[in-house]
Amino acid sequence: MIYKANFKNYLFVLLAISIFLSCNQSQKTEVIIQGNIVNPMGNIVQLVGPGEMEDGTLSLNFQRETNIDENGNFIDTLNLKSSGYFFFIHGRERTQLFLEPGNKLTINLDSRKFDESITFSGDGSENNTYLKKRFLYQENNGVDVIELSKLESKEYLNQIDSLKQWELNFLKENQNISDNFLNIEKKNSHYKFLQALERYPLYHEFYAKKEAVYDVSFMSPLNSIDYTNQDDYILFPDFKNLVMSYYQNIFNKSDNLKEDLRKLNLSKSTIIKRDLVNQGIYLLSAGNEKNKDLYETLIDLAKEFESTGIDSLTISKLTNKFNVLSSLEKGMKSPVFNNYENFNGERTSLSDLKGKYVYIDVWATWCGPCIREIPSLKLIEKKYENKNIHFVSISIDERNRPRYNYEAWRKMIVEKDLGGIQLFADNAFNSNFTKAYGIDSIPRFLLIDQDGNIVSGNAPRPSDSKLVELFDSLGI
């Protein structure tokens, strides 16, 4: 594996969306999970892992809770149409499971030594013992993804290929696992390798601070991917990431969205379409010249959706946002904020800043990507000090939230020595200014001209070299 930091959480994030591979309809569908927990933390165990149930329905948020009795025993019976990955959760600990129809799996553990003490017996125990052994090894011998990403392309390719071969050899050493599980794990290792290839340019540029250089053969293994393969999309988290990255790249760069998405549109991959529509909502932004094409493309992808329930809400949200943003084209009057509290104790409105360009950073103290932009923002502020531009940061922290709140905002400004004009929004994400710009994710950067008109409702981030190009093109 190529992740070092908290391998368990990595597995949980990536495998929480995995679901089941189809198997013979004649198989028994009953699965029994039972066991005993010494020193239990509370009286509940959870089983989490989306899957296809016996009646054929697909649950993307499958979750079961089972009570632990006074002696630490638990037992649960569920019906599964096909095999796949789950997570067994107790308190703050979790372990990955692989369940197949007909399994009768016994799990015993001491919650004070969760990972080390857990044992499996019964049908399916070999598969799950393998997962435990692999997890413990990788947690103790993980590869530093930062240092790996800094490598030049040839050495990087050698390293990720070695990691893939290690996984396959480790798998081969465990001969008692089921054939079904063996085949799934082999494919899983291949998709991990492909995802490592795909993300190399981005990760290398971020960690090595320079553009990645590689020949055309480096990415050639990606050419054989079928990005409409819904079965693999559902089962393999790394494949899901590859698919989402592929289509988001099309959304960002395509000059003909309908043509570039034709194959997907003609496919039966409804779940992929649904996820893309949900993600596409966040690509709509004020002043984006592609909004109309993007909206029409997303609506086209959604034509197979249900007319009620969550699908209906998604389409409604998409349409509402498009309608809001249609009144926020480049050159139109910007929405305004009035009397926002300034860190210095005064009140500031957008109208107070007329006469200069205004670069606005919408952020929050709980937002990791926002905080990562701070060093770059400081450099930009210094570069354009005393120029024809105001730098404004608007916090959308909730005033009375237990942790990330008004006081945390004031504290972070001092601790990180933040410059520019520091403002606190009047109603967090629900502030009129934030809603008027259709902001539903942060950080978001806005650029407004000297007369209060929109230059960009989704301006480049401070860490993006295109921001300086934009400023210079405007003569700032």
Protein backbone atom coordinates (compact mmCIF):
# COMPACT_ATOMS: atom_id res chain seq x y z
CA MET A 1 0.00 0.00 0.00
CA ILE A 2 1.17 3.57 -0.52
CA TYR A 3 -0.51 5.18 2.47
CA LYS A 4 1.22 5.45 5.79
CA ALA A 5 -0.85 7.78 7.95
CA ASN A 6 -3.60 5.96 9.89
CA PHE A 7 -4.06 3.04 7.55
CA LYS A 8 -7.26 1.96 9.29
CA ASN A 9 -9.06 5.23 8.55
CA TYR A 10 -7.77 5.09 4.98
CA LEU A 11 -9.36 1.70 4.53
CA PHE A 12 -12.60 2.88 6.09
CA VAL A 13 -12.89 5.94 3.81
CA LEU A 14 -12.03 3.99 0.70
CA LEU A 15 -14.00 0.80 1.41
CA ALA A 16 -17.11 2.33 2.98
CA ILE A 17 -18.49 2.69 -0.56
CA SER A 18 -17.62 -0.88 -1.67
CA ILE A 19 -20.47 -3.29 -2.42
CA PHE A 20 -21.09 -6.82 -3.38
CA LEU A 21 -20.05 -8.89 -6.34
CA SER A 22 -22.83 -11.01 -7.79
CA CYS A 23 -22.81 -14.75 -7.19
CA ASN A 24 -24.97 -17.76 -7.90
CA GLN A 25 -28.62 -17.18 -7.04
CA SER A 26 -28.85 -20.69 -5.64
CA GLN A 27 -26.37 -20.00 -2.84
CA LYS A 28 -27.60 -19.64 0.71
CA THR A 29 -28.01 -15.98 1.54
CA GLU A 30 -27.98 -16.25 5.33
CA VAL A 31 -24.91 -14.93 7.13
CA ILE A 32 -24.47 -15.31 10.89
CA ILE A 33 -22.04 -13.09 12.77
CA GLN A 34 -21.54 -13.85 16.44
CA GLY A 35 -18.87 -13.53 19.09
CA ASN A 36 -17.72 -12.20 22.40
CA ILE A 37 -16.08 -8.92 23.45
CA VAL A 38 -14.00 -8.66 26.61
CA ASN A 39 -14.02 -5.20 28.23
CA PRO A 40 -16.73 -3.89 25.86
CA MET A 41 -16.98 -0.16 25.21
CA GLY A 42 -20.73 0.28 25.41
CA ASN A 43 -23.31 -2.31 24.40
CA ILE A 44 -23.40 -2.03 20.60
CA VAL A 45 -21.53 -3.47 17.62
CA GLN A 46 -22.11 -2.16 14.12
CA LEU A 47 -21.81 -3.68 10.69
CA VAL A 48 -21.30 -1.14 7.90
CA GLY A 49 -20.92 -1.74 4.18
CA PRO A 50 -23.23 -0.95 1.27
CA GLY A 51 -24.64 -3.98 -0.45
CA GLU A 52 -27.27 -5.65 -2.55
CA MET A 53 -29.84 -7.39 -0.42
CA GLU A 54 -31.76 -10.60 -1.10
CA ASP A 55 -34.74 -8.73 -2.54
CA GLY A 56 -32.46 -7.13 -5.13
CA THR A 57 -32.55 -3.64 -3.66
CA LEU A 58 -29.29 -1.72 -3.42
CA SER A 59 -28.53 0.01 -0.16
CA LEU A 60 -25.67 2.49 -0.34
CA ASN A 61 -25.90 3.16 3.38
CA PHE A 62 -26.28 -0.35 4.75
CA GLN A 63 -25.77 -0.34 8.51
CA ARG A 64 -26.82 -2.73 11.25
CA GLU A 65 -26.55 -2.45 15.03
CA THR A 66 -26.50 -5.44 17.35
CA ASN A 67 -26.73 -5.40 21.13
CA ILE A 68 -24.03 -6.91 23.34
CA ASP A 69 -25.43 -8.77 26.36
CA GLU A 70 -24.15 -8.55 29.94
CA ASN A 71 -21.60 -11.31 29.23
CA GLY A 72 -20.15 -9.57 26.19
CA ASN A 73 -21.88 -11.86 23.67
CA PHE A 74 -23.56 -10.76 20.44
CA ILE A 75 -25.20 -12.47 17.48
CA ASP A 76 -26.78 -11.20 14.28
CA THR A 77 -28.24 -12.83 11.20
CA LEU A 78 -28.50 -11.08 7.87
CA ASN A 79 -29.38 -12.05 4.34
CA LEU A 80 -26.87 -11.21 1.65
CA LYS A 81 -27.38 -11.89 -2.01
CA SER A 82 -23.68 -11.59 -2.79
CA SER A 83 -20.28 -11.31 -1.17
CA GLY A 84 -18.29 -8.20 -0.33
CA TYR A 85 -16.57 -5.96 2.17
CA PHE A 86 -17.94 -4.70 5.47
CA PHE A 87 -16.59 -3.00 8.55
CA PHE A 88 -17.20 -4.37 12.02
CA ILE A 89 -17.22 -1.43 14.44
CA HIS A 90 -17.16 -1.28 18.22
CA GLY A 91 -16.62 2.00 20.04
CA ARG A 92 -13.93 3.90 18.14
CA GLU A 93 -12.32 0.79 16.72
CA ARG A 94 -13.08 -1.06 13.51
CA THR A 95 -11.83 -3.94 11.46
CA GLN A 96 -12.47 -4.85 7.85
CA LEU A 97 -14.52 -7.97 7.09
CA PHE A 98 -15.21 -9.90 3.93
CA LEU A 99 -18.51 -11.79 4.03
CA GLU A 100 -19.89 -14.38 1.65
CA PRO A 101 -23.41 -15.84 1.59
CA GLY A 102 -23.54 -18.84 3.89
CA ASN A 103 -20.80 -17.64 6.23
CA LYS A 104 -21.13 -18.33 9.95
CA LEU A 105 -18.37 -16.18 11.38
CA THR A 106 -17.34 -15.95 15.03
CA ILE A 107 -15.45 -12.87 16.19
CA ASN A 108 -13.74 -12.67 19.58
CA LEU A 109 -11.71 -9.73 20.88
CA ASP A 110 -10.62 -7.61 23.82
CA SER A 111 -11.58 -3.99 23.14
CA ARG A 112 -8.48 -2.76 24.99
CA LYS A 113 -6.27 -4.54 22.43
CA PHE A 114 -8.68 -4.48 19.53
CA ASP A 115 -6.43 -5.08 16.52
CA GLU A 116 -4.01 -7.45 18.19
CA SER A 117 -6.57 -9.56 20.06
CA ILE A 118 -9.24 -10.05 17.41
CA THR A 119 -9.63 -13.63 16.19
CA PHE A 120 -11.94 -15.29 13.67
CA SER A 121 -13.33 -18.80 13.50
CA GLY A 122 -15.98 -20.60 11.51
CA ASP A 123 -16.95 -20.18 7.85
CA GLY A 124 -15.16 -17.17 6.35
CA SER A 125 -12.50 -17.03 9.05
CA GLU A 126 -9.60 -17.59 6.62
CA ASN A 127 -10.51 -14.55 4.49
CA ASN A 128 -10.85 -12.31 7.52
CA THR A 129 -7.71 -13.56 9.23
CA TYR A 130 -5.86 -12.63 6.03
CA LEU A 131 -7.30 -9.09 6.15
CA LYS A 132 -6.21 -8.74 9.78
CA LYS A 133 -2.66 -9.93 9.04
CA ARG A 134 -2.33 -7.61 6.06
CA PHE A 135 -3.66 -4.64 7.99
CA LEU A 136 -1.28 -5.16 10.92
CA TYR A 137 1.70 -5.49 8.59
CA GLN A 138 0.83 -2.42 6.57
CA GLU A 139 0.09 -0.33 9.63
CA ASN A 140 3.56 -1.08 10.96
CA ASN A 141 5.38 -0.95 7.62
CA GLY A 142 3.52 1.68 5.65
CA VAL A 143 5.19 3.67 2.88
CA ASP A 144 5.44 7.42 3.31
CA VAL A 145 3.18 8.76 0.56
CA ILE A 146 4.83 12.19 0.68
CA GLU A 147 8.33 10.88 0.05
CA LEU A 148 7.03 8.43 -2.52
CA SER A 149 5.31 11.22 -4.43
CA LYS A 150 8.52 13.26 -4.57
CA LEU A 151 10.28 10.58 -6.62
CA GLU A 152 10.93 11.07 -10.31
CA SER A 153 8.57 9.11 -12.55
CA LYS A 154 10.80 6.12 -13.32
CA GLU A 155 11.63 5.43 -9.68
CA TYR A 156 8.04 6.13 -8.64
CA LEU A 157 6.80 3.56 -11.14
CA ASN A 158 9.30 0.99 -9.83
CA GLN A 159 8.19 1.61 -6.27
CA ILE A 160 4.45 1.31 -6.86
CA ASP A 161 5.01 -1.79 -8.98
CA SER A 162 7.01 -3.31 -6.11
CA LEU A 163 4.19 -2.50 -3.71
CA LYS A 164 1.71 -4.20 -6.00
CA GLN A 165 3.90 -7.28 -6.28
CA TRP A 166 4.27 -7.40 -2.50
CA GLU A 167 0.49 -7.45 -2.11
CA LEU A 168 0.11 -10.22 -4.67
CA ASN A 169 2.85 -12.30 -3.02
CA PHE A 170 1.31 -11.77 0.40
CA LEU A 171 -2.00 -12.91 -1.05
CA LYS A 172 -0.38 -16.00 -2.57
CA GLU A 173 1.08 -16.99 0.80
CA ASN A 174 -2.43 -17.27 2.25
CA GLN A 175 -3.70 -20.32 0.41
CA ASN A 176 -6.75 -20.99 2.58
CA ILE A 177 -8.76 -18.01 1.38
CA SER A 178 -11.72 -18.55 -0.94
CA ASP A 179 -11.30 -18.38 -4.71
CA ASN A 180 -13.89 -15.62 -4.91
CA PHE A 181 -12.03 -13.49 -2.38
CA LEU A 182 -8.69 -14.23 -4.06
CA ASN A 183 -9.90 -12.93 -7.42
CA ILE A 184 -11.42 -9.81 -5.88
CA GLU A 185 -8.22 -8.99 -3.99
CA LYS A 186 -6.09 -9.42 -7.12
CA LYS A 187 -8.26 -6.97 -8.99
CA ASN A 188 -8.22 -4.62 -6.02
CA SER A 189 -4.40 -4.53 -6.06
CA HIS A 190 -4.44 -3.69 -9.76
CA TYR A 191 -6.78 -0.75 -9.24
CA LYS A 192 -4.62 0.57 -6.40
CA PHE A 193 -1.68 0.53 -8.80
CA LEU A 194 -3.67 2.37 -11.49
CA GLN A 195 -4.85 5.01 -9.07
CA ALA A 196 -1.26 5.57 -7.91
CA LEU A 197 -0.32 6.17 -11.56
CA GLU A 198 -3.18 8.55 -12.22
CA ARG A 199 -2.54 10.78 -9.23
CA TYR A 200 1.25 11.02 -9.67
CA PRO A 201 1.32 14.36 -11.58
CA LEU A 202 -0.85 16.11 -8.98
CA TYR A 203 0.89 14.61 -5.95
CA HIS A 204 4.39 15.15 -7.35
CA GLU A 205 3.72 18.81 -8.12
CA PHE A 206 2.23 19.34 -4.67
CA TYR A 207 4.93 17.60 -2.61
CA ALA A 208 8.01 18.05 -4.81
CA LYS A 209 7.03 21.63 -5.73
CA LYS A 210 7.70 21.04 -9.41
CA GLU A 211 5.89 19.72 -12.43
CA ALA A 212 6.04 15.97 -12.97
CA VAL A 213 7.92 14.77 -16.05
CA TYR A 214 7.11 11.38 -17.56
CA ASP A 215 6.93 9.75 -20.98
CA VAL A 216 3.78 8.68 -22.78
CA SER A 217 4.12 5.04 -21.69
CA PHE A 218 3.88 6.01 -18.01
CA MET A 219 0.10 6.48 -18.15
CA SER A 220 -0.56 3.83 -20.82
CA PRO A 221 -2.00 1.25 -18.34
CA LEU A 222 -4.91 3.65 -17.84
CA ASN A 223 -5.91 3.42 -21.50
CA SER A 224 -7.66 0.08 -21.07
CA ILE A 225 -10.04 1.27 -18.34
CA ASP A 226 -13.76 1.14 -19.02
CA TYR A 227 -15.00 4.20 -17.13
CA THR A 228 -18.61 3.03 -17.42
CA ASN A 229 -17.99 -0.24 -15.51
CA GLN A 230 -20.53 0.15 -12.74
CA ASP A 231 -19.89 -3.24 -11.10
CA ASP A 232 -16.25 -2.38 -10.45
CA TYR A 233 -17.15 1.20 -9.56
CA ILE A 234 -19.39 -0.10 -6.80
CA LEU A 235 -17.03 -2.75 -5.49
CA PHE A 236 -13.56 -1.17 -5.68
CA PRO A 237 -12.91 2.20 -4.00
CA ASP A 238 -9.75 2.88 -5.98
CA PHE A 239 -11.59 2.30 -9.24
CA LYS A 240 -14.32 4.65 -8.06
CA ASN A 241 -11.70 7.34 -7.46
CA LEU A 242 -10.27 6.77 -10.95
CA VAL A 243 -13.70 7.14 -12.52
CA MET A 244 -14.55 10.31 -10.62
CA SER A 245 -11.18 11.87 -11.46
CA TYR A 246 -11.59 10.98 -15.14
CA TYR A 247 -15.01 12.58 -15.48
CA GLN A 248 -14.17 15.62 -13.37
CA ASN A 249 -11.22 16.23 -15.68
CA ILE A 250 -13.67 16.15 -18.59
CA PHE A 251 -15.96 18.60 -16.78
CA ASN A 252 -13.05 20.98 -16.25
CA LYS A 253 -11.38 20.81 -19.66
CA SER A 254 -13.85 19.62 -22.29
CA ASP A 255 -15.05 21.93 -25.04
CA ASN A 256 -17.81 19.47 -25.95
CA LEU A 257 -19.24 17.88 -22.81
CA LYS A 258 -22.09 16.06 -24.53
CA GLU A 259 -19.76 14.35 -26.98
CA ASP A 260 -17.14 13.46 -24.37
CA LEU A 261 -19.80 11.97 -22.09
CA ARG A 262 -21.72 10.20 -24.85
CA LYS A 263 -20.53 6.69 -23.89
CA LEU A 264 -21.49 7.20 -20.28
CA ASN A 265 -24.84 8.68 -21.24
CA LEU A 266 -25.66 5.64 -23.36
CA SER A 267 -24.60 3.22 -20.62
CA LYS A 268 -26.71 1.71 -17.84
CA SER A 269 -24.33 3.04 -15.18
CA THR A 270 -26.95 4.88 -13.17
CA ILE A 271 -24.93 4.96 -9.96
CA ILE A 272 -21.95 6.59 -11.69
CA LYS A 273 -24.28 9.13 -13.28
CA ARG A 274 -25.89 9.86 -9.93
CA ASP A 275 -22.53 10.47 -8.25
CA LEU A 276 -21.37 12.70 -11.09
CA VAL A 277 -24.52 14.79 -10.92
CA ASN A 278 -24.03 15.20 -7.17
CA GLN A 279 -20.41 16.26 -7.69
CA GLY A 280 -21.28 18.40 -10.69
CA ILE A 281 -23.44 20.63 -8.54
CA TYR A 282 -20.26 21.90 -6.89
CA LEU A 283 -18.67 22.72 -10.26
CA LEU A 284 -21.34 25.31 -10.99
CA SER A 285 -19.99 28.68 -9.89
CA ALA A 286 -20.67 32.38 -10.37
CA GLY A 287 -19.15 33.73 -13.57
CA ASN A 288 -18.31 30.29 -14.95
CA GLU A 289 -18.83 30.51 -18.72
CA LYS A 290 -19.47 26.74 -18.83
CA ASN A 291 -22.40 26.82 -16.40
CA LYS A 292 -25.09 26.40 -19.06
CA ASP A 293 -23.34 23.51 -20.84
CA LEU A 294 -22.51 21.88 -17.53
CA TYR A 295 -26.08 22.20 -16.25
CA GLU A 296 -27.59 20.78 -19.44
CA THR A 297 -25.11 17.90 -19.41
CA LEU A 298 -25.89 17.04 -15.79
CA ILE A 299 -29.63 17.17 -16.44
CA ASP A 300 -29.10 14.84 -19.40
CA LEU A 301 -27.20 12.39 -17.17
CA ALA A 302 -30.05 12.55 -14.67
CA LYS A 303 -32.79 11.62 -17.14
CA GLU A 304 -32.95 8.07 -15.75
CA PHE A 305 -33.32 9.21 -12.15
CA GLU A 306 -36.42 8.63 -10.09
CA SER A 307 -38.93 11.49 -9.99
CA THR A 308 -39.22 11.27 -6.22
CA GLY A 309 -37.01 10.90 -3.17
CA ILE A 310 -33.31 11.74 -3.07
CA ASP A 311 -32.97 11.89 -6.87
CA SER A 312 -35.70 14.50 -7.04
CA LEU A 313 -34.00 16.58 -4.35
CA THR A 314 -30.68 16.38 -6.21
CA ILE A 315 -32.19 17.63 -9.47
CA SER A 316 -34.04 20.37 -7.59
CA LYS A 317 -30.82 21.48 -5.90
CA LEU A 318 -29.00 21.49 -9.24
CA THR A 319 -31.70 23.54 -10.93
CA ASN A 320 -32.01 26.03 -8.08
CA LYS A 321 -28.27 26.64 -8.04
CA PHE A 322 -28.15 27.12 -11.81
CA ASN A 323 -30.98 29.63 -11.62
CA VAL A 324 -29.21 31.56 -8.86
CA LEU A 325 -25.93 31.63 -10.75
CA SER A 326 -27.56 32.71 -14.00
CA SER A 327 -27.87 36.19 -12.49
CA LEU A 328 -24.18 36.26 -11.54
CA GLU A 329 -22.39 36.39 -14.87
CA LYS A 330 -19.09 38.19 -15.32
CA GLY A 331 -19.63 41.96 -15.42
CA MET A 332 -22.89 41.88 -13.47
CA LYS A 333 -23.27 43.62 -10.12
CA SER A 334 -21.93 41.54 -7.29
CA PRO A 335 -24.10 40.52 -4.35
CA VAL A 336 -23.08 42.53 -1.30
CA PHE A 337 -22.38 41.98 2.36
CA ASN A 338 -23.26 44.66 4.90
CA ASN A 339 -21.86 45.46 8.32
CA TYR A 340 -19.80 42.32 8.77
CA GLU A 341 -17.81 42.35 12.00
CA ASN A 342 -14.18 43.24 11.42
CA PHE A 343 -11.43 41.73 13.58
CA ASN A 344 -10.52 45.23 14.68
CA GLY A 345 -13.97 45.65 16.20
CA GLU A 346 -15.47 47.85 13.49
CA ARG A 347 -18.04 47.00 10.81
CA THR A 348 -17.26 46.58 7.11
CA SER A 349 -19.50 46.46 4.04
CA LEU A 350 -18.54 45.67 0.46
CA SER A 351 -19.48 49.21 -0.51
CA ASP A 352 -16.71 50.52 1.79
CA LEU A 353 -14.16 48.90 -0.51
CA LYS A 354 -15.21 50.46 -3.82
CA GLY A 355 -12.46 52.07 -5.87
CA LYS A 356 -10.19 49.02 -5.72
CA TYR A 357 -10.45 45.41 -6.79
CA VAL A 358 -11.55 43.10 -3.97
CA TYR A 359 -10.20 39.54 -3.67
CA ILE A 360 -12.36 37.62 -1.19
CA ASP A 361 -11.43 34.39 0.57
CA VAL A 362 -14.47 32.58 2.01
CA TRP A 363 -13.09 30.21 4.63
CA ALA A 364 -13.51 28.68 8.11
CA THR A 365 -11.22 27.55 10.92
CA TRP A 366 -12.39 23.94 10.50
CA CYS A 367 -11.53 23.83 6.78
CA GLY A 368 -8.20 22.10 6.15
CA PRO A 369 -7.88 23.15 2.48
CA CYS A 370 -8.63 26.75 3.53
CA ILE A 371 -5.84 26.73 6.08
CA ARG A 372 -3.39 25.21 3.57
CA GLU A 373 -3.92 28.27 1.37
CA ILE A 374 -2.86 30.71 4.10
CA PRO A 375 0.91 30.71 3.35
CA SER A 376 0.23 31.31 -0.35
CA LEU A 377 -2.30 34.02 0.45
CA LYS A 378 0.26 35.82 2.60
CA LEU A 379 2.73 35.80 -0.30
CA ILE A 380 0.11 37.21 -2.67
CA GLU A 381 -0.84 39.91 -0.18
CA LYS A 382 2.80 40.92 0.15
CA LYS A 383 3.38 40.91 -3.62
CA TYR A 384 0.41 43.25 -4.19
CA GLU A 385 0.83 45.37 -1.09
CA ASN A 386 -0.14 49.00 -1.77
CA LYS A 387 -1.55 48.01 -5.17
CA ASN A 388 -5.05 48.60 -6.48
CA ILE A 389 -6.63 45.71 -4.53
CA HIS A 390 -8.11 44.85 -1.13
CA PHE A 391 -7.65 41.37 0.32
CA VAL A 392 -10.67 40.27 2.35
CA SER A 393 -11.14 37.03 4.28
CA ILE A 394 -14.68 36.18 5.37
CA SER A 395 -15.03 33.47 8.00
CA ILE A 396 -18.23 31.41 7.88
CA ASP A 397 -17.59 29.78 11.25
CA GLU A 398 -20.68 29.43 13.41
CA ARG A 399 -20.57 31.93 16.26
CA ASN A 400 -21.58 29.52 19.05
CA ARG A 401 -20.35 26.19 17.73
CA PRO A 402 -18.66 24.19 20.53
CA ARG A 403 -15.17 24.14 18.97
CA TYR A 404 -14.80 25.99 15.67
CA ASN A 405 -16.50 29.24 16.51
CA TYR A 406 -16.12 33.01 16.87
CA GLU A 407 -13.39 32.72 19.50
CA ALA A 408 -11.50 30.16 17.40
CA TRP A 409 -11.64 32.64 14.49
CA ARG A 410 -10.11 35.44 16.55
CA LYS A 411 -7.50 33.08 17.99
CA MET A 412 -6.41 31.78 14.58
CA ILE A 413 -6.02 35.29 13.18
CA VAL A 414 -3.54 36.04 15.94
CA GLU A 415 -1.74 32.70 15.89
CA LYS A 416 -1.23 32.68 12.12
CA ASP A 417 -0.70 36.43 11.88
CA LEU A 418 -3.33 36.78 9.19
CA GLY A 419 -3.28 39.95 7.12
CA GLY A 420 -5.81 41.70 4.96
CA ILE A 421 -9.31 42.58 6.13
CA GLN A 422 -10.61 39.85 8.43
CA LEU A 423 -14.41 39.64 8.61
CA PHE A 424 -16.90 37.34 10.36
CA ALA A 425 -20.04 36.48 8.35
CA ASP A 426 -23.40 37.16 9.97
CA ASN A 427 -24.89 33.67 9.55
CA ALA A 428 -22.16 31.20 8.55
CA PHE A 429 -23.05 29.18 5.39
CA ASN A 430 -26.55 30.66 5.49
CA SER A 431 -25.37 34.23 5.19
CA ASN A 432 -27.14 36.07 2.37
CA PHE A 433 -23.84 36.88 0.66
CA THR A 434 -22.70 33.25 0.71
CA LYS A 435 -26.05 31.96 -0.54
CA ALA A 436 -26.23 34.61 -3.25
CA TYR A 437 -22.95 33.33 -4.70
CA GLY A 438 -24.18 29.73 -4.49
CA ILE A 439 -21.27 28.80 -2.23
CA ASP A 440 -21.76 25.27 -0.90
CA SER A 441 -18.12 24.31 -0.41
CA ILE A 442 -14.99 26.12 0.72
CA PRO A 443 -12.49 27.54 0.20
CA ARG A 444 -14.05 29.80 -2.41
CA PHE A 445 -12.29 32.84 -3.82
CA LEU A 446 -14.08 35.75 -5.48
CA LEU A 447 -12.79 38.73 -7.43
CA ILE A 448 -14.81 41.94 -7.70
CA ASP A 449 -13.78 45.03 -9.66
CA GLN A 450 -13.50 48.67 -8.55
CA ASP A 451 -17.17 49.35 -9.33
CA GLY A 452 -18.55 46.33 -7.49
CA ASN A 453 -18.99 44.13 -10.56
CA ILE A 454 -18.14 40.43 -10.76
CA VAL A 455 -14.81 39.54 -12.32
CA SER A 456 -14.89 35.93 -11.14
CA GLY A 457 -17.20 34.04 -8.82
CA ASN A 458 -14.67 31.23 -8.64
CA ALA A 459 -11.28 32.91 -8.85
CA PRO A 460 -8.00 30.97 -8.77
CA ARG A 461 -6.69 30.05 -5.34
CA PRO A 462 -3.61 31.85 -3.98
CA SER A 463 -1.54 28.69 -4.57
CA ASP A 464 -2.50 28.69 -8.26
CA SER A 465 -0.11 30.56 -10.58
CA LYS A 466 -3.12 31.58 -12.67
CA LEU A 467 -4.09 34.08 -9.95
CA VAL A 468 -1.03 36.25 -10.59
CA GLU A 469 -1.69 35.98 -14.34
CA LEU A 470 -5.27 37.19 -13.74
CA PHE A 471 -4.17 40.09 -11.53
CA ASP A 472 -1.51 41.17 -13.99
CA SER A 473 -3.91 41.00 -16.94
CA LEU A 474 -6.15 43.45 -15.08
CA GLY A 475 -3.27 45.80 -14.36
CA ILE A 476 -3.57 45.38 -10.60
